[in-house]
């Protein structure tokens, strides 16, 4: 999250003063639901020259499904709005992939809208069920909590970089277009933890996750770089590259020991800030508004 985005959100939060604002998902406890919405804009979040309609559809859905998984809920219902210079061929290819991906994750499409626009815009609202699950919040990290992760960091940014250099197909490009998600780990965490926990996906990068949790939980987060799961050698991509949709979770040590698949990358302690190998990270975030 960039300083400009943080400024805008502060204005919104201070104006509305809603108890549901602050995380990627709003937790509607009375209804056993979480709700999230996201918007993907052509030439900001994707390029049609890089991605086919099927790839755009899957990526748009995965982005939103990932938010629900990061909350600890089960993705269940989705509404999709498309705006752009649409044609029958695009609609057919796009919604074939929508059907395939929603069936894969056991999600029902419950509505949406179509509109004309100068560029393709995809707006999605998604709901997740929370019954019998402990739901995450960025405010839940505590002193002595373990910082853990699953997935890999920097691969999507490396793929986007390779695409910009004219490379057509490799591991990183495929990762960027079709990032893996971790529904079983999310479910395991939500159903077995005995203590509150903080969990986010790395949509805006690993450092952004750590910074958001550190700030809202008022803890210092210390990470060892060599422990971070990664394949690319580009350190900036690993720490600051987004769109991996790996999970970052801060949880009690006793809970961590009961979760299979998480890798410990650091610890929470008293204080503030994010440190990698004992050096504080200065981070301005991804800027959507440039």
Protein backbone atom coordinates (compact mmCIF):
# COMPACT_ATOMS: atom_id res chain seq x y z
CA UNK A 1 0.00 0.00 0.00
CA UNK A 2 1.48 3.35 -1.04
CA UNK A 3 1.53 6.50 1.08
CA UNK A 4 -1.06 8.05 -1.24
CA UNK A 5 -3.37 5.03 -0.90
CA UNK A 6 -2.84 5.03 2.88
CA UNK A 7 -3.75 8.74 2.92
CA UNK A 8 -6.93 8.12 0.92
CA UNK A 9 -7.97 5.21 3.14
CA UNK A 10 -7.41 7.28 6.26
CA UNK A 11 -9.75 9.95 4.84
CA UNK A 12 -12.37 7.29 4.06
CA UNK A 13 -12.03 5.58 7.45
CA UNK A 14 -12.16 8.85 9.36
CA UNK A 15 -15.21 9.95 7.39
CA UNK A 16 -17.21 6.72 7.63
CA UNK A 17 -15.95 5.45 11.01
CA UNK A 18 -17.19 1.96 10.17
CA UNK A 19 -16.16 -0.98 12.41
CA UNK A 20 -15.88 -3.16 9.29
CA UNK A 21 -12.99 -1.24 7.72
CA UNK A 22 -9.31 -2.07 8.22
CA UNK A 23 -8.73 -5.50 6.65
CA UNK A 24 -9.01 -6.76 3.08
CA UNK A 25 -12.28 -8.45 4.05
CA UNK A 26 -15.17 -7.10 6.12
CA UNK A 27 -16.19 -9.69 8.73
CA UNK A 28 -19.99 -9.80 9.06
CA UNK A 29 -20.03 -11.97 12.16
CA UNK A 30 -23.82 -11.95 12.59
CA UNK A 31 -24.19 -13.52 9.14
CA UNK A 32 -21.16 -15.89 9.25
CA UNK A 33 -19.75 -14.09 6.21
CA UNK A 34 -16.75 -12.11 5.07
CA UNK A 35 -16.97 -9.80 2.06
CA UNK A 36 -14.31 -8.31 -0.17
CA UNK A 37 -14.26 -6.35 -3.42
CA UNK A 38 -11.48 -5.55 -5.85
CA UNK A 39 -11.04 -3.80 -9.18
CA UNK A 40 -8.55 -4.70 -11.91
CA UNK A 41 -7.83 -2.08 -14.59
CA UNK A 42 -6.25 -2.69 -17.98
CA UNK A 43 -2.68 -1.31 -18.25
CA UNK A 44 -2.53 -0.92 -14.46
CA UNK A 45 -3.01 -4.52 -13.27
CA UNK A 46 -2.75 -6.39 -16.58
CA UNK A 47 -2.22 -5.90 -20.31
CA UNK A 48 -4.34 -7.59 -22.95
CA UNK A 49 -1.22 -7.84 -25.11
CA UNK A 50 0.26 -10.14 -22.44
CA UNK A 51 -2.81 -12.12 -21.40
CA UNK A 52 -5.66 -13.90 -23.18
CA UNK A 53 -9.27 -13.44 -21.97
CA UNK A 54 -9.15 -16.82 -20.18
CA UNK A 55 -5.95 -15.81 -18.35
CA UNK A 56 -7.44 -12.43 -17.38
CA UNK A 57 -10.58 -14.11 -16.03
CA UNK A 58 -8.66 -16.62 -13.93
CA UNK A 59 -6.26 -14.02 -12.55
CA UNK A 60 -9.13 -11.68 -11.64
CA UNK A 61 -10.89 -14.46 -9.75
CA UNK A 62 -7.74 -15.68 -8.01
CA UNK A 63 -6.98 -12.17 -6.76
CA UNK A 64 -10.35 -12.07 -5.00
CA UNK A 65 -10.41 -15.70 -3.85
CA UNK A 66 -7.02 -15.06 -2.26
CA UNK A 67 -8.45 -12.26 -0.09
CA UNK A 68 -11.08 -14.63 1.29
CA UNK A 69 -8.50 -17.35 1.96
CA UNK A 70 -6.28 -14.81 3.74
CA UNK A 71 -9.16 -14.02 6.07
CA UNK A 72 -9.51 -17.71 6.97
CA UNK A 73 -12.96 -18.05 5.37
CA UNK A 74 -14.20 -20.38 2.62
CA UNK A 75 -14.86 -18.60 -0.72
CA UNK A 76 -18.49 -19.19 -1.67
CA UNK A 77 -20.24 -16.52 -3.80
CA UNK A 78 -19.00 -14.02 -6.39
CA UNK A 79 -20.44 -11.16 -8.45
CA UNK A 80 -18.54 -9.97 -11.55
CA UNK A 81 -18.83 -6.62 -13.33
CA UNK A 82 -17.12 -6.11 -16.70
CA UNK A 83 -16.63 -2.77 -18.42
CA UNK A 84 -14.69 -2.20 -21.62
CA UNK A 85 -14.79 -2.51 -25.39
CA UNK A 86 -16.46 -5.89 -25.11
CA UNK A 87 -17.35 -8.34 -27.87
CA UNK A 88 -18.96 -11.79 -28.03
CA UNK A 89 -15.67 -13.61 -28.47
CA UNK A 90 -14.15 -12.02 -25.36
CA UNK A 91 -17.29 -12.65 -23.28
CA UNK A 92 -17.39 -16.30 -24.37
CA UNK A 93 -13.72 -16.97 -23.56
CA UNK A 94 -13.83 -14.97 -20.31
CA UNK A 95 -16.89 -16.73 -18.89
CA UNK A 96 -15.74 -20.21 -19.92
CA UNK A 97 -12.80 -19.65 -17.61
CA UNK A 98 -15.05 -18.13 -14.94
CA UNK A 99 -17.09 -21.34 -14.97
CA UNK A 100 -13.98 -23.53 -14.80
CA UNK A 101 -12.30 -21.60 -11.97
CA UNK A 102 -15.43 -21.17 -9.84
CA UNK A 103 -16.17 -24.88 -10.12
CA UNK A 104 -12.57 -25.63 -9.05
CA UNK A 105 -13.04 -23.61 -5.85
CA UNK A 106 -16.72 -24.52 -5.29
CA UNK A 107 -17.93 -20.95 -5.80
CA UNK A 108 -21.29 -19.80 -7.18
CA UNK A 109 -21.56 -16.80 -9.54
CA UNK A 110 -24.56 -14.83 -8.27
CA UNK A 111 -24.64 -11.75 -10.50
CA UNK A 112 -22.79 -8.81 -11.97
CA UNK A 113 -23.05 -6.13 -14.63
CA UNK A 114 -21.77 -5.21 -18.12
CA UNK A 115 -20.86 -1.74 -19.32
CA UNK A 116 -18.96 0.11 -22.01
CA UNK A 117 -15.62 1.76 -21.20
CA UNK A 118 -12.46 2.92 -22.93
CA UNK A 119 -10.37 0.27 -21.13
CA UNK A 120 -11.19 -3.11 -19.69
CA UNK A 121 -12.17 -2.94 -16.03
CA UNK A 122 -13.08 -5.98 -13.93
CA UNK A 123 -14.81 -5.35 -10.60
CA UNK A 124 -15.50 -8.34 -8.37
CA UNK A 125 -17.34 -8.72 -5.09
CA UNK A 126 -16.79 -12.00 -3.28
CA UNK A 127 -18.26 -13.52 -0.14
CA UNK A 128 -16.83 -16.23 2.09
CA UNK A 129 -18.41 -18.39 4.76
CA UNK A 130 -16.92 -18.27 8.26
CA UNK A 131 -18.87 -20.86 10.25
CA UNK A 132 -16.59 -22.96 12.52
CA UNK A 133 -13.56 -20.88 11.51
CA UNK A 134 -11.42 -18.36 13.41
CA UNK A 135 -11.11 -15.25 11.22
CA UNK A 136 -7.90 -13.28 10.79
CA UNK A 137 -7.23 -9.61 11.48
CA UNK A 138 -4.12 -7.52 10.89
CA UNK A 139 -4.46 -6.33 14.48
CA UNK A 140 -3.97 -9.79 16.01
CA UNK A 141 -0.17 -10.24 15.96
CA UNK A 142 1.46 -10.27 19.42
CA UNK A 143 4.87 -10.30 21.03
CA UNK A 144 6.63 -13.68 20.56
CA UNK A 145 4.32 -14.72 17.70
CA UNK A 146 5.92 -16.71 14.88
CA UNK A 147 6.01 -15.09 11.42
CA UNK A 148 5.42 -17.83 8.85
CA UNK A 149 4.66 -18.13 5.15
CA UNK A 150 3.59 -20.51 2.44
CA UNK A 151 4.19 -20.03 -1.26
CA UNK A 152 7.06 -18.11 -2.79
CA UNK A 153 7.92 -14.47 -3.08
CA UNK A 154 9.17 -12.48 -6.07
CA UNK A 155 8.18 -14.99 -8.75
CA UNK A 156 5.23 -12.98 -10.06
CA UNK A 157 7.25 -9.77 -10.23
CA UNK A 158 10.00 -11.66 -12.04
CA UNK A 159 7.39 -12.97 -14.50
CA UNK A 160 6.01 -9.49 -15.17
CA UNK A 161 9.55 -8.23 -15.72
CA UNK A 162 10.25 -11.07 -18.16
CA UNK A 163 7.03 -10.30 -20.05
CA UNK A 164 8.11 -6.67 -20.40
CA UNK A 165 11.37 -7.89 -21.95
CA UNK A 166 9.54 -9.88 -24.62
CA UNK A 167 9.99 -13.33 -23.10
CA UNK A 168 6.94 -15.41 -24.01
CA UNK A 169 6.90 -18.37 -21.66
CA UNK A 170 8.81 -19.53 -18.61
CA UNK A 171 8.19 -20.57 -15.01
CA UNK A 172 7.95 -17.01 -13.72
CA UNK A 173 5.56 -15.83 -16.45
CA UNK A 174 3.28 -18.78 -15.79
CA UNK A 175 3.43 -18.00 -12.06
CA UNK A 176 2.50 -14.36 -12.75
CA UNK A 177 -0.49 -15.35 -14.89
CA UNK A 178 -1.68 -18.23 -12.72
CA UNK A 179 -0.42 -17.87 -9.13
CA UNK A 180 -1.10 -20.85 -6.83
CA UNK A 181 -3.44 -20.39 -3.88
CA UNK A 182 -3.50 -22.30 -0.59
CA UNK A 183 -7.09 -23.11 0.47
CA UNK A 184 -6.12 -26.17 2.54
CA UNK A 185 -3.55 -24.24 4.61
CA UNK A 186 -6.05 -21.41 5.10
CA UNK A 187 -8.67 -23.87 6.29
CA UNK A 188 -6.22 -25.63 8.60
CA UNK A 189 -5.20 -22.34 10.22
CA UNK A 190 -8.79 -21.12 10.59
CA UNK A 191 -10.08 -24.38 12.05
CA UNK A 192 -7.23 -25.45 14.34
CA UNK A 193 -5.71 -22.28 15.86
CA UNK A 194 -6.56 -21.65 19.51
CA UNK A 195 -5.42 -18.02 19.56
CA UNK A 196 -6.11 -14.92 17.44
CA UNK A 197 -3.81 -14.63 14.41
CA UNK A 198 -2.97 -12.17 11.65
CA UNK A 199 -2.88 -13.36 8.04
CA UNK A 200 -2.55 -11.58 4.69
CA UNK A 201 -1.79 -12.49 1.11
CA UNK A 202 1.18 -10.92 -0.65
CA UNK A 203 -0.88 -9.11 -3.29
CA UNK A 204 1.22 -5.97 -2.75
CA UNK A 205 4.38 -7.81 -1.76
CA UNK A 206 5.94 -9.45 1.28
CA UNK A 207 7.14 -6.21 2.81
CA UNK A 208 3.68 -4.69 2.50
CA UNK A 209 2.18 -7.64 4.42
CA UNK A 210 4.73 -7.31 7.18
CA UNK A 211 4.38 -3.54 7.34
CA UNK A 212 0.57 -3.64 7.49
CA UNK A 213 0.57 -6.24 10.29
CA UNK A 214 3.36 -4.49 12.19
CA UNK A 215 1.56 -1.13 12.03
CA UNK A 216 -1.91 -2.35 12.98
CA UNK A 217 -0.73 -4.84 15.63
CA UNK A 218 1.87 -2.44 17.03
CA UNK A 219 4.66 -5.02 17.01
CA UNK A 220 8.17 -5.19 15.62
CA UNK A 221 8.59 -7.87 12.95
CA UNK A 222 12.02 -9.40 12.34
CA UNK A 223 12.61 -11.65 9.33
CA UNK A 224 15.62 -13.64 8.11
CA UNK A 225 16.02 -13.24 4.37
CA UNK A 226 17.43 -16.72 3.79
CA UNK A 227 14.30 -18.25 5.34
CA UNK A 228 11.94 -16.54 2.87
CA UNK A 229 10.66 -19.10 0.31
CA UNK A 230 11.72 -17.90 -3.15
CA UNK A 231 13.13 -18.94 -6.53
CA UNK A 232 14.21 -15.63 -8.10
CA UNK A 233 17.57 -14.13 -7.13
CA UNK A 234 16.21 -10.58 -7.35
CA UNK A 235 16.00 -9.35 -3.76
CA UNK A 236 13.82 -6.35 -4.63
CA UNK A 237 11.29 -8.65 -6.27
CA UNK A 238 11.33 -10.98 -3.26
CA UNK A 239 10.73 -8.21 -0.72
CA UNK A 240 8.72 -5.67 -2.68
CA UNK A 241 7.26 -7.44 -5.73
CA UNK A 242 3.54 -8.08 -5.55
CA UNK A 243 0.95 -10.42 -7.04
CA UNK A 244 2.36 -13.65 -5.63
CA UNK A 245 -0.70 -14.26 -3.41
CA UNK A 246 1.38 -16.30 -1.00
CA UNK A 247 0.17 -16.29 2.60
CA UNK A 248 1.94 -14.50 5.44
CA UNK A 249 0.71 -15.35 8.93
CA UNK A 250 1.66 -14.27 12.45
CA UNK A 251 0.47 -16.79 15.02
CA UNK A 252 1.11 -18.21 18.47
CA UNK A 253 4.00 -20.69 18.58
CA UNK A 254 1.77 -23.49 19.88
CA UNK A 255 -0.59 -23.00 16.94
CA UNK A 256 2.31 -22.81 14.48
CA UNK A 257 3.55 -26.24 15.57
CA UNK A 258 0.18 -27.76 14.64
CA UNK A 259 0.06 -26.36 11.08
CA UNK A 260 1.62 -28.48 8.34
CA UNK A 261 3.21 -26.62 5.42
CA UNK A 262 4.09 -23.25 6.94
CA UNK A 263 7.71 -22.08 6.90
CA UNK A 264 8.97 -19.92 9.76
CA UNK A 265 10.61 -16.75 8.42
CA UNK A 266 10.77 -14.59 11.54
CA UNK A 267 9.29 -13.46 14.85
CA UNK A 268 7.22 -10.66 16.35
CA UNK A 269 8.58 -8.70 19.29
CA UNK A 270 7.88 -5.57 21.33
CA UNK A 271 8.45 -2.41 19.33
CA UNK A 272 7.64 -1.26 15.82
CA UNK A 273 8.90 -1.52 12.26
CA UNK A 274 9.92 -4.30 9.90
CA UNK A 275 13.48 -5.63 9.93
CA UNK A 276 15.19 -8.03 7.54
CA UNK A 277 18.48 -9.46 8.84
CA UNK A 278 18.41 -6.78 11.57
CA UNK A 279 18.14 -3.89 9.08
CA UNK A 280 14.95 -1.82 9.06
CA UNK A 281 13.10 -1.70 5.77
CA UNK A 282 11.88 1.64 4.46
CA UNK A 283 8.86 1.03 2.29
CA UNK A 284 6.53 3.31 0.33
CA UNK A 285 4.38 0.57 -1.17
CA UNK A 286 3.01 -0.02 -4.64
CA UNK A 287 1.50 3.20 -5.99
CA UNK A 288 -1.80 2.62 -7.83
CA UNK A 289 -2.13 6.36 -8.43
CA UNK A 290 0.92 7.02 -10.65
